[in-house]
Protein backbone atom coordinates (compact mmCIF):
# COMPACT_ATOMS: atom_id res chain seq x y z
CA MET A 1 116.25 46.32 144.40
CA SER A 2 118.20 43.52 141.59
CA ARG A 3 120.73 44.56 140.86
CA SER A 4 120.33 44.80 136.55
CA ALA A 5 117.97 47.98 138.23
CA VAL A 6 120.79 49.95 139.28
CA TRP A 7 122.48 49.37 136.27
CA GLY A 8 119.82 51.01 135.31
CA ARG A 9 118.94 53.04 136.83
CA ALA A 10 122.61 54.17 137.24
CA GLY A 11 122.55 54.28 133.16
CA VAL A 12 119.51 57.04 133.40
CA SER A 13 121.02 59.82 135.52
CA ALA A 14 124.99 59.32 133.25
CA ARG A 15 122.98 60.19 130.42
CA VAL A 16 121.05 63.26 132.54
CA TRP A 17 124.38 64.17 133.16
CA LEU A 18 125.95 63.63 129.93
CA ALA A 19 123.32 65.36 128.37
CA GLY A 20 123.88 68.80 131.48
CA VAL A 21 127.52 68.30 130.10
CA ALA A 22 127.33 68.64 126.47
CA ALA A 23 124.09 71.43 126.32
CA LEU A 24 126.64 73.44 128.69
CA PHE A 25 129.73 72.75 126.13
CA GLY A 26 127.65 73.67 122.94
CA VAL A 27 126.44 77.50 125.30
CA VAL A 28 129.91 78.42 126.25
CA GLN A 29 131.43 77.57 122.41
CA VAL A 30 128.40 79.99 120.97
CA ALA A 31 128.70 82.52 124.15
CA LEU A 32 133.23 83.39 123.59
CA VAL A 33 133.59 81.76 120.14
CA ALA A 34 130.91 82.98 117.95
CA ASP A 35 132.19 86.40 116.95
CA VAL A 36 135.88 85.25 116.63
CA PRO A 37 136.96 85.95 112.56
CA LEU A 38 138.05 83.05 110.46
CA GLY A 39 141.33 82.00 111.14
CA TRP A 40 143.54 80.90 107.78
CA ASP A 41 142.56 77.29 107.23
CA GLU A 42 139.04 78.34 108.22
CA SER A 43 138.95 80.73 105.23
CA ILE A 44 139.98 78.00 103.05
CA TYR A 45 137.38 75.07 104.23
CA ALA A 46 134.51 77.57 104.27
CA SER A 47 135.47 78.95 100.81
CA GLN A 48 134.95 75.80 98.25
CA THR A 49 131.36 75.28 99.12
CA ASP A 50 130.46 78.93 99.46
CA PRO A 51 128.24 79.94 96.40
CA ARG A 52 129.09 83.23 96.52
CA ARG A 53 133.11 83.09 97.22
CA PRO A 54 135.61 81.96 94.89
CA ALA A 55 137.49 78.97 96.64
CA LEU A 56 140.71 80.11 97.47
CA VAL A 57 143.72 77.19 96.82
CA PHE A 58 143.79 73.95 98.71
CA SER A 59 147.23 73.12 98.90
CA ALA A 60 147.98 68.53 98.99
CA PRO A 61 147.22 67.64 102.68
CA ARG A 62 143.88 69.13 103.12
CA ALA A 63 140.92 67.01 102.47
CA ARG A 64 137.24 68.27 101.81
CA GLY A 65 135.22 67.10 104.77
CA MET A 66 135.02 69.87 106.63
CA SER A 67 134.15 72.16 103.89
CA TRP A 68 131.27 69.60 103.41
CA LEU A 69 130.29 69.45 106.92
CA ALA A 70 129.98 73.21 106.42
CA ALA A 71 128.28 72.62 103.08
CA PRO A 72 124.83 73.20 104.42
CA ILE A 73 125.19 76.30 106.34
CA GLN A 74 127.65 77.72 103.58
CA ALA A 75 124.54 77.55 100.64
CA VAL A 76 121.71 79.38 103.29
CA THR A 77 124.66 82.14 104.12
CA GLY A 78 127.87 83.30 104.44
CA SER A 79 127.33 84.50 107.78
CA PRO A 80 130.85 83.13 109.91
CA GLU A 81 129.12 83.84 113.25
CA ALA A 82 126.47 81.36 111.24
CA LEU A 83 129.13 78.96 110.61
CA ARG A 84 130.46 78.86 114.16
CA ILE A 85 127.07 78.78 115.77
CA TYR A 86 126.62 75.44 112.86
CA LEU A 87 129.23 74.23 114.58
CA ALA A 88 128.69 74.42 117.75
CA VAL A 89 125.49 72.45 117.91
CA LEU A 90 127.20 69.46 115.59
CA ALA A 91 129.98 69.72 118.04
CA SER A 92 127.32 69.68 121.55
CA LEU A 93 125.69 66.61 119.28
CA GLY A 94 128.27 64.52 118.51
CA LEU A 95 130.09 65.05 122.24
CA TYR A 96 126.87 63.74 123.74
CA ALA A 97 126.26 61.15 121.07
CA ALA A 98 130.05 59.29 120.58
CA TYR A 99 130.40 59.63 124.76
CA ALA A 100 126.97 57.85 124.79
CA VAL A 101 128.32 54.74 123.35
CA TRP A 102 130.47 53.26 126.48
CA LEU A 103 127.28 53.98 129.14
CA ARG A 104 125.95 50.85 127.43
CA VAL A 105 130.38 49.29 129.02
CA ARG A 106 130.07 51.55 132.40
CA PRO A 107 126.02 53.36 132.85
CA ASP A 108 127.70 54.74 135.97
CA GLY A 109 129.53 58.81 135.91
CA SER A 110 133.17 58.08 134.95
CA VAL A 111 131.03 58.68 131.39
CA PRO A 112 130.33 62.57 131.96
CA LEU A 113 133.44 62.42 134.16
CA ALA A 114 135.02 62.35 131.03
CA ALA A 115 132.88 64.35 128.33
CA LEU A 116 133.34 67.20 131.05
CA GLY A 117 137.54 66.40 130.78
CA LEU A 118 137.26 67.00 127.15
CA SER A 119 135.36 69.93 126.57
CA THR A 120 136.37 72.19 129.79
CA LEU A 121 140.02 71.96 127.60
CA TRP A 122 140.87 75.74 126.43
CA VAL A 123 141.25 73.40 123.26
CA THR A 124 138.18 71.64 122.60
CA VAL A 125 136.39 74.97 123.23
CA PHE A 126 138.19 76.83 121.29
CA TYR A 127 137.99 74.78 117.63
CA GLY A 128 134.48 73.59 118.17
CA PRO A 129 132.70 75.60 116.75
CA THR A 130 135.74 75.98 114.28
CA THR A 131 135.98 74.72 110.37
CA MET A 132 138.60 72.33 112.21
CA PRO A 133 139.43 68.67 111.62
CA ASN A 134 140.56 67.99 115.18
CA VAL A 135 137.37 68.19 117.48
CA ALA A 136 135.40 66.08 114.45
CA ILE A 137 138.14 63.42 114.02
CA ALA A 138 138.20 63.55 118.34
CA LEU A 139 134.33 62.91 118.74
CA ALA A 140 135.19 60.15 115.43
CA CYS A 141 137.57 57.97 117.75
CA VAL A 142 135.87 57.92 121.09
CA PHE A 143 131.84 57.00 118.97
CA ALA A 144 134.38 54.49 116.53
CA THR A 145 135.87 53.11 119.42
CA GLY A 146 133.06 52.71 122.00
CA ALA A 147 131.33 50.98 119.05
CA LEU A 148 133.47 48.44 118.03
CA LEU A 149 134.15 47.62 122.30
CA CYS A 150 130.10 46.94 122.56
CA HIS A 151 130.55 44.82 119.46
CA ALA A 152 133.46 42.37 120.45
CA LEU A 153 131.71 42.67 123.91
CA GLY A 154 128.14 41.88 122.43
CA LEU A 155 126.49 44.74 123.75
CA ALA A 156 125.09 46.12 120.69
CA PRO A 157 122.96 45.28 117.98
CA ALA A 158 124.85 45.09 114.91
CA TRP A 159 123.84 48.52 113.68
CA LEU A 160 125.91 50.25 116.35
CA ALA A 161 128.84 48.87 114.59
CA TRP A 162 128.28 50.08 111.46
CA ALA A 163 127.66 53.06 112.99
CA GLY A 164 131.79 52.95 113.92
CA GLY A 165 132.80 52.84 111.06
CA GLY A 166 130.50 55.33 109.38
CA ALA A 167 133.14 57.10 112.61
CA VAL A 168 135.58 56.62 110.98
CA GLY A 169 134.68 57.33 107.57
CA LEU A 170 133.69 61.09 109.04
CA ALA A 171 137.50 61.05 109.99
CA THR A 172 139.38 59.78 107.03
CA LEU A 173 136.69 62.41 105.16
CA VAL A 174 137.97 64.71 107.51
CA ARG A 175 141.32 63.94 108.11
CA PRO A 176 143.20 60.50 106.46
CA GLY A 177 146.78 61.13 107.61
CA ASP A 178 144.53 60.45 111.93
CA VAL A 179 143.59 58.37 111.14
CA ALA A 180 145.81 55.21 110.39
CA PRO A 181 146.94 55.24 113.76
CA LEU A 182 142.98 54.75 115.39
CA VAL A 183 142.44 52.02 112.74
CA GLY A 184 146.02 49.80 113.27
CA ALA A 185 145.45 51.03 117.32
CA LEU A 186 141.77 49.01 116.87
CA GLY A 187 143.64 46.35 114.63
CA VAL A 188 146.12 45.38 117.71
CA ALA A 189 143.42 45.67 119.93
CA VAL A 190 141.60 42.97 118.21
CA LEU A 191 144.26 40.58 118.06
CA ALA A 192 145.17 40.94 121.16
CA HIS A 193 142.20 39.56 122.65
CA PRO A 194 142.02 35.63 122.60
CA GLN A 195 137.74 36.00 122.39
CA TRP A 196 138.39 38.83 119.77
CA ARG A 197 140.63 37.77 117.95
CA ARG A 198 138.35 34.64 116.06
CA ARG A 199 136.34 36.81 115.34
CA ALA A 200 138.66 39.11 113.70
CA VAL A 201 137.65 40.43 110.80
CA ARG A 202 133.46 40.55 111.79
CA LEU A 203 134.88 43.45 114.11
CA LEU A 204 137.22 45.09 112.22
CA ALA A 205 134.90 45.00 108.88
CA PRO A 206 132.94 48.56 109.41
CA ALA A 207 136.12 50.29 110.88
CA ALA A 208 137.87 49.19 107.49
CA VAL A 209 134.99 50.06 105.09
CA GLY A 210 134.99 52.85 106.67
CA ALA A 211 138.19 54.31 106.61
CA ALA A 212 138.22 53.03 102.32
CA ALA A 213 135.24 54.55 101.62
CA GLY A 214 136.61 58.05 103.43
CA ALA A 215 139.55 57.81 101.72
CA LEU A 216 138.45 57.36 99.17
CA PRO A 217 137.44 61.14 97.67
CA TRP A 218 141.59 61.78 98.59
CA LEU A 219 142.47 59.05 96.95
CA VAL A 220 140.45 60.00 93.69
CA GLU A 221 141.24 63.74 93.66
CA ALA A 222 145.03 62.05 93.74
CA GLN A 223 144.82 60.75 90.16
CA LEU A 224 142.45 63.47 88.90
CA ARG A 225 144.83 67.09 90.31
CA TYR A 226 148.01 65.53 91.23
CA GLY A 227 149.20 62.92 88.67
CA GLY A 228 149.13 59.98 91.48
CA ILE A 229 148.37 58.83 95.10
CA PRO A 230 152.83 58.59 95.35
CA ALA A 231 152.60 62.45 93.94
CA ARG A 232 150.17 63.55 96.12
CA VAL A 233 151.33 62.11 99.43
CA TYR A 234 154.66 63.29 97.82
CA ARG A 235 153.61 66.84 97.81
CA ALA A 236 151.26 66.65 100.77
CA LEU A 237 154.57 65.13 103.27
CA SER A 238 157.09 67.86 102.08
CA THR A 239 154.52 70.94 102.77
CA GLN A 240 153.78 69.62 105.95
CA GLY A 241 157.82 68.78 107.30
CA THR A 242 160.22 70.34 109.06
CA GLY A 243 162.66 68.18 109.68
CA GLU A 244 162.88 67.03 113.54
CA ARG A 245 161.04 64.50 114.28
CA PHE A 246 161.79 64.50 118.94
CA VAL A 247 158.91 67.01 119.79
CA PRO A 248 157.00 66.25 122.80
CA ASP A 249 158.17 69.34 124.66
CA TYR A 250 156.98 71.38 121.80
CA GLN A 251 153.27 69.91 122.73
CA LEU A 252 153.91 70.86 125.61
CA ARG A 253 154.87 74.41 125.46
CA ALA A 254 151.65 75.00 123.11
CA LEU A 255 149.55 74.46 125.45
CA ASP A 256 149.12 78.25 126.06
CA GLY A 257 149.65 79.39 122.61
CA PRO A 258 150.16 79.90 120.42
CA ILE A 259 147.74 77.67 118.83
CA LEU A 260 150.33 77.06 115.77
CA CYS A 261 154.43 75.74 117.70
CA ARG A 262 155.44 76.14 113.24
CA PRO A 263 159.02 76.56 114.71
CA CYS A 264 159.57 75.77 118.16
CA VAL A 265 161.73 77.73 119.53
CA ARG A 266 162.79 76.26 123.06
CA ALA A 267 163.88 78.57 124.24
CA GLU A 268 161.67 81.02 123.75
CA GLN A 269 158.40 79.38 124.94
CA PRO A 270 157.86 78.48 128.24
CA ILE A 271 157.14 75.67 129.10
CA PRO A 272 153.57 76.37 131.27
CA ALA A 273 153.23 74.76 135.10
CA PHE A 274 149.37 74.07 134.39
CA GLY A 275 150.77 71.62 131.28
CA VAL A 276 152.47 70.22 133.13
CA VAL A 277 150.76 69.55 135.85
CA LEU A 278 147.75 68.65 133.53
CA TRP A 279 150.57 65.78 131.59
CA VAL A 280 151.36 64.54 134.80
CA VAL A 281 147.89 64.34 137.04
CA GLY A 282 146.40 62.97 134.04
CA GLY A 283 149.05 60.11 132.99
CA ALA A 284 149.26 58.96 136.91
CA LEU A 285 144.96 58.83 136.71
CA VAL A 286 145.15 56.41 133.30
CA VAL A 287 147.74 54.56 135.30
CA ALA A 288 145.56 54.38 138.03
CA ALA A 289 142.45 53.29 136.35
CA VAL A 290 144.15 50.93 134.70
CA TRP A 291 145.87 49.71 137.90
CA PHE A 292 141.80 49.24 139.28
CA ALA A 293 141.43 47.46 136.30
CA LEU A 294 143.29 44.81 136.36
CA ARG A 295 142.66 44.64 140.05
CA ALA A 296 138.98 43.73 139.80
CA ARG A 297 138.85 42.26 136.15
CA HIS A 298 137.33 39.02 137.64
CA THR A 299 134.95 40.93 139.81
CA ALA A 300 134.24 44.45 137.88
CA ARG A 301 130.63 44.03 136.06
CA PRO A 302 131.48 41.94 132.34
CA GLY A 303 133.39 44.88 129.88
CA VAL A 304 134.69 47.26 132.70
CA THR A 305 138.33 46.39 132.46
CA GLU A 306 138.44 45.87 128.52
CA ALA A 307 136.96 49.59 128.50
CA THR A 308 139.88 50.89 130.25
CA LEU A 309 141.88 49.24 128.53
CA MET A 310 141.29 49.74 125.07
CA SER A 311 140.48 53.69 125.80
CA ALA A 312 143.64 54.17 127.74
CA TRP A 313 145.51 51.63 124.80
CA VAL A 314 143.94 53.73 121.56
CA GLY A 315 144.01 57.39 123.10
CA GLY A 316 147.93 56.72 123.87
CA VAL A 317 148.84 55.84 120.10
CA LEU A 318 147.00 58.91 118.62
CA ALA A 319 149.28 60.85 120.70
CA PHE A 320 151.96 58.88 118.91
CA PRO A 321 152.71 60.56 116.33
CA TYR A 322 152.14 63.81 116.86
CA LEU A 323 154.67 63.48 119.52
CA PHE A 324 157.47 62.22 118.58
CA LEU A 325 157.23 62.03 113.83
CA VAL A 326 155.42 65.29 113.48
CA GLY A 327 158.29 67.89 113.69
CA TYR A 328 155.55 70.91 115.07
CA ALA A 329 153.48 71.24 117.21
CA ALA A 330 149.93 72.94 117.75
CA PRO A 331 147.31 72.53 120.90
CA ARG A 332 144.54 70.73 118.78
CA PHE A 333 146.46 68.52 117.04
CA MET A 334 146.42 66.10 120.65
CA LEU A 335 142.84 66.26 120.54
CA PRO A 336 142.05 63.04 119.65
CA ALA A 337 144.03 61.69 122.30
CA TYR A 338 143.27 63.74 125.44
CA ALA A 339 139.06 62.41 124.18
CA LEU A 340 139.94 58.72 124.64
CA LEU A 341 142.05 59.27 127.41
CA ALA A 342 139.86 61.79 129.34
CA LEU A 343 137.61 58.42 129.74
CA PRO A 344 140.35 56.40 131.94
CA VAL A 345 140.76 59.77 133.83
CA GLY A 346 136.85 59.93 134.49
CA GLN A 347 137.12 56.06 135.80
CA ALA A 348 139.35 56.92 137.53
CA LEU A 349 138.19 60.44 139.52
CA HIS A 350 134.70 58.54 139.56
CA ARG A 351 135.92 55.53 141.24
CA LEU A 352 137.82 57.42 143.90
CA CYS A 353 134.49 59.66 144.54
CA THR A 354 132.67 56.63 145.30
CA GLY A 355 135.21 53.20 145.90
CA ARG A 356 134.03 50.02 145.46
CA SER A 357 130.59 50.18 147.24
CA GLY A 358 129.29 52.95 144.45
CA ARG A 359 127.91 55.23 147.17
CA VAL A 360 129.89 58.55 147.06
CA ARG A 361 132.12 59.68 149.71
CA VAL A 362 131.95 63.29 150.38
CA VAL A 363 135.57 64.20 151.28
CA PRO A 364 137.19 62.68 148.29
CA ALA A 365 133.98 63.71 145.63
CA ALA A 366 134.34 67.29 147.23
CA VAL A 367 138.20 67.97 146.25
CA VAL A 368 137.41 66.74 143.14
CA ALA A 369 135.43 68.86 142.51
CA ILE A 370 137.66 71.43 143.43
CA ALA A 371 140.28 70.06 141.61
CA LEU A 372 137.22 70.23 137.95
CA LEU A 373 136.76 73.77 139.59
CA ALA A 374 140.00 75.04 139.64
CA HIS A 375 140.96 73.43 136.52
CA SER A 376 137.98 74.90 134.79
CA LEU A 377 139.17 78.53 135.75
CA VAL A 378 142.69 78.12 133.86
CA GLN A 379 142.05 76.60 130.73
CA TYR A 380 139.49 79.56 130.95
CA ARG A 381 141.99 81.69 131.36
CA VAL A 382 144.36 80.52 128.45
CA LEU A 383 141.40 80.12 126.19
CA GLU A 384 140.61 84.16 127.58
CA ASP A 385 144.37 84.99 125.99
CA VAL A 386 143.74 83.21 123.09
CA LEU A 387 140.64 84.40 121.79
CA ALA A 388 142.36 88.00 122.52
CA ALA A 389 145.43 87.27 120.17
CA GLN A 390 143.89 85.67 117.68
CA THR A 391 140.20 88.67 117.48
CA ALA A 392 143.45 91.29 117.08
CA SER A 393 145.22 89.28 114.43
CA ARG A 394 142.07 88.78 112.35
CA VAL A 395 140.70 91.84 112.69
CA ARG A 396 143.77 93.19 110.79
CA TRP A 397 142.32 91.09 107.66
CA VAL A 398 138.91 92.36 108.03
CA ALA A 399 140.71 96.05 108.40
CA VAL A 400 142.82 95.35 105.44
CA ALA A 401 139.85 93.91 103.73
CA ASP A 402 138.77 97.59 104.20
CA ALA A 403 141.49 98.64 102.30
CA LEU A 404 141.09 97.38 98.83
CA ALA A 405 137.90 97.93 99.11
CA GLY A 406 138.59 102.40 99.60
CA ARG A 407 140.36 101.51 97.18
CA GLY A 408 138.41 99.40 94.61
CA VAL A 409 139.29 96.25 94.37
CA ALA A 410 136.10 94.30 95.30
CA PRO A 411 134.71 91.19 93.60
CA PRO A 412 135.71 89.79 90.60
CA CYS A 413 138.83 90.48 91.90
CA THR A 414 142.67 88.72 93.02
CA LEU A 415 144.86 88.18 95.84
CA LEU A 416 148.40 86.92 95.59
CA GLY A 417 150.98 86.63 97.64
CA PRO A 418 151.54 84.41 101.39
CA SER A 419 148.64 86.69 103.18
CA SER A 420 146.74 87.00 101.02
CA PRO A 421 144.46 83.74 101.10
CA THR A 422 142.56 84.98 104.64
CA VAL A 423 142.42 88.81 103.21
CA ALA A 424 140.91 87.66 100.19
CA TYR A 425 138.01 85.27 101.94
CA VAL A 426 136.92 88.26 103.98
CA ALA A 427 137.42 90.47 100.55
CA GLY A 428 134.88 88.41 98.60
CA CYS A 429 138.44 88.04 96.43
CA ASP A 430 139.34 84.97 94.75
CA ALA A 431 143.06 84.27 95.87
CA VAL A 432 145.87 82.13 93.69
CA THR A 433 149.89 81.52 93.48
CA ILE A 434 151.53 81.32 90.73
CA LYS A 435 152.16 77.04 89.48
CA ARG A 436 155.31 75.26 91.16
CA HIS A 437 154.78 72.58 92.06
CA ALA A 438 152.82 69.59 90.25
CA GLY A 439 148.66 69.69 91.93
CA ASP A 440 149.39 73.42 92.38
CA GLU A 441 145.88 75.01 90.35
CA ALA A 442 147.14 76.07 86.51
CA TYR A 443 147.75 79.85 87.37
CA SER A 444 150.70 81.29 85.53
CA LEU A 445 151.98 84.46 84.90
CA ALA A 446 149.98 84.80 81.97
CA ASP A 447 147.20 84.27 83.59
CA LEU A 448 147.93 87.26 85.87
CA ARG A 449 148.16 89.58 83.12
CA ALA A 450 145.13 88.49 81.47
CA ALA A 451 143.71 88.78 85.25
CA VAL A 452 144.65 92.51 85.12
CA GLU A 453 142.98 93.19 82.15
CA ARG A 454 139.44 92.16 83.13
CA GLU A 455 139.16 92.62 87.16
CA GLN A 456 140.83 94.07 89.47
CA VAL A 457 144.46 92.54 91.65
CA ALA A 458 146.57 93.85 94.02
CA VAL A 459 149.31 91.83 96.49
CA VAL A 460 148.57 90.86 100.45
CA LEU A 461 152.26 90.89 101.44
CA ARG A 462 152.94 90.42 105.90
CA GLY A 463 156.46 91.93 107.25
CA SER A 464 160.40 90.73 105.66
CA GLU A 465 157.73 88.90 102.72
CA PRO A 466 159.66 89.98 99.26
CA ARG A 467 158.14 92.11 96.65
CA PRO A 468 157.21 90.31 93.20
CA ASP A 469 158.67 90.66 90.44
CA TYR A 470 155.77 90.87 88.51
CA THR A 471 154.38 93.73 91.09
CA ARG A 472 157.03 96.47 89.17
CA GLY A 473 154.47 99.22 88.28
CA TRP A 474 151.32 98.16 90.75
CA ALA A 475 150.83 100.97 93.12
CA GLN A 476 151.32 100.86 97.26
CA VAL A 477 148.31 101.26 99.50
CA PRO A 478 149.81 103.72 101.41
CA ALA A 479 150.94 102.02 104.80
CA ARG A 480 148.97 104.73 106.97
CA GLU A 481 145.59 103.15 105.26
CA LEU A 482 146.80 99.71 106.69
CA PRO A 483 147.75 97.64 109.79
CA ARG A 484 151.37 97.88 111.31
CA GLY A 485 153.09 95.14 108.97
CA TYR A 486 151.02 95.08 106.13
CA ARG A 487 151.92 95.98 102.38
CA VAL A 488 149.60 96.38 99.52
CA LEU A 489 149.80 96.61 96.34
CA ILE A 490 147.55 97.41 93.41
CA ALA A 491 148.30 96.34 89.38
CA PRO A 492 147.01 99.37 87.42
């Protein structure tokens, strides 16, 4: 049998395995996460395209991509469960499409292994069916990097290169700040390769065009609403900044929750042991894959070495900003890096299981299978804890909305206070803040007084959040009607 026939049969088998991984990923998302109420950011994103609810306050760092992605299902129904199922299907299809590109270079079991590794992380399962940008960006980065690689190696038609540019555009629509390191890493990779350098403009044009097109809505909104791009960038950075920079241990501490570590208290948030194992073993496998690829660069199938180096390089660059330049942590921030680094990890595991001959070695394969099973069980246990904590927290928002309804606060209505957006989404109310900065919604105390005259207005507070001065004379809902830690004041 010819070598091409062997590779062809292996490629078909790899596609079947990859499809199975993607399908299982979709089923797990729906089974475990579909009934979790929407979170804080999700409520804001989902409200922008929900015709049944007012659009909640939209801050400078946010981009419209996730709202537009949710728009088709939001136009039909405002059901959070339907939205989650829809997004789970998109994430499952995206997982297959993103990694299937890499089968053009490596038509073997390493690619399904990479997809399996990413899809078994609790953070991937939790955020896959959510109106949050990180899984979409991760899969877009994998697809865009693979498309450029295939274009550079001459293994794909021209349309695939522009599809990769479209993936860059999607990522930019969803979260513009994450695309800069991606495009930069791709540019450096092309310029560093002697044969690719001569075609740099043609190779990088799709990614550049996609990034420019995807950034256009954000830039136009900056000009129209914030008085210019520099003003919006300044507001976005000031909103996200904490004053800290060196936080690689923060990402480790957040691996088993909380889903947002801001601030991360070093002494109070322990580093989970499984996180250390995950990073150490994963890092060692990436190094092993690079070593294997460099050793076999003269004998391996064309493009295999470039695939290993490219995925390791881009994944490392995507990890850098969230390890060293952002002063807080969330497990989801690292998803784009994990998604790319899963490819060399999968290549190392495949090499360990098959050796140079390509035949499965029973003992190493059994050890890898047991390790993957143990990894999946650990991730599931963490996911259980995260789901329990998040569901309990978000059910309180529903309880506050029910208490407001019991007091006659029903649409049309307006809520204020730092804790109001999530409750407002459930209650069908608008959530506003008194304008303080350029770009904030033009809502003033005069607007508030006018709103009180025509509809129900309430303030939602938590813990020690101070009572605003404008609430003098407002009725406080009895504590027995509210979840512990919440206070609600209703305008007369």
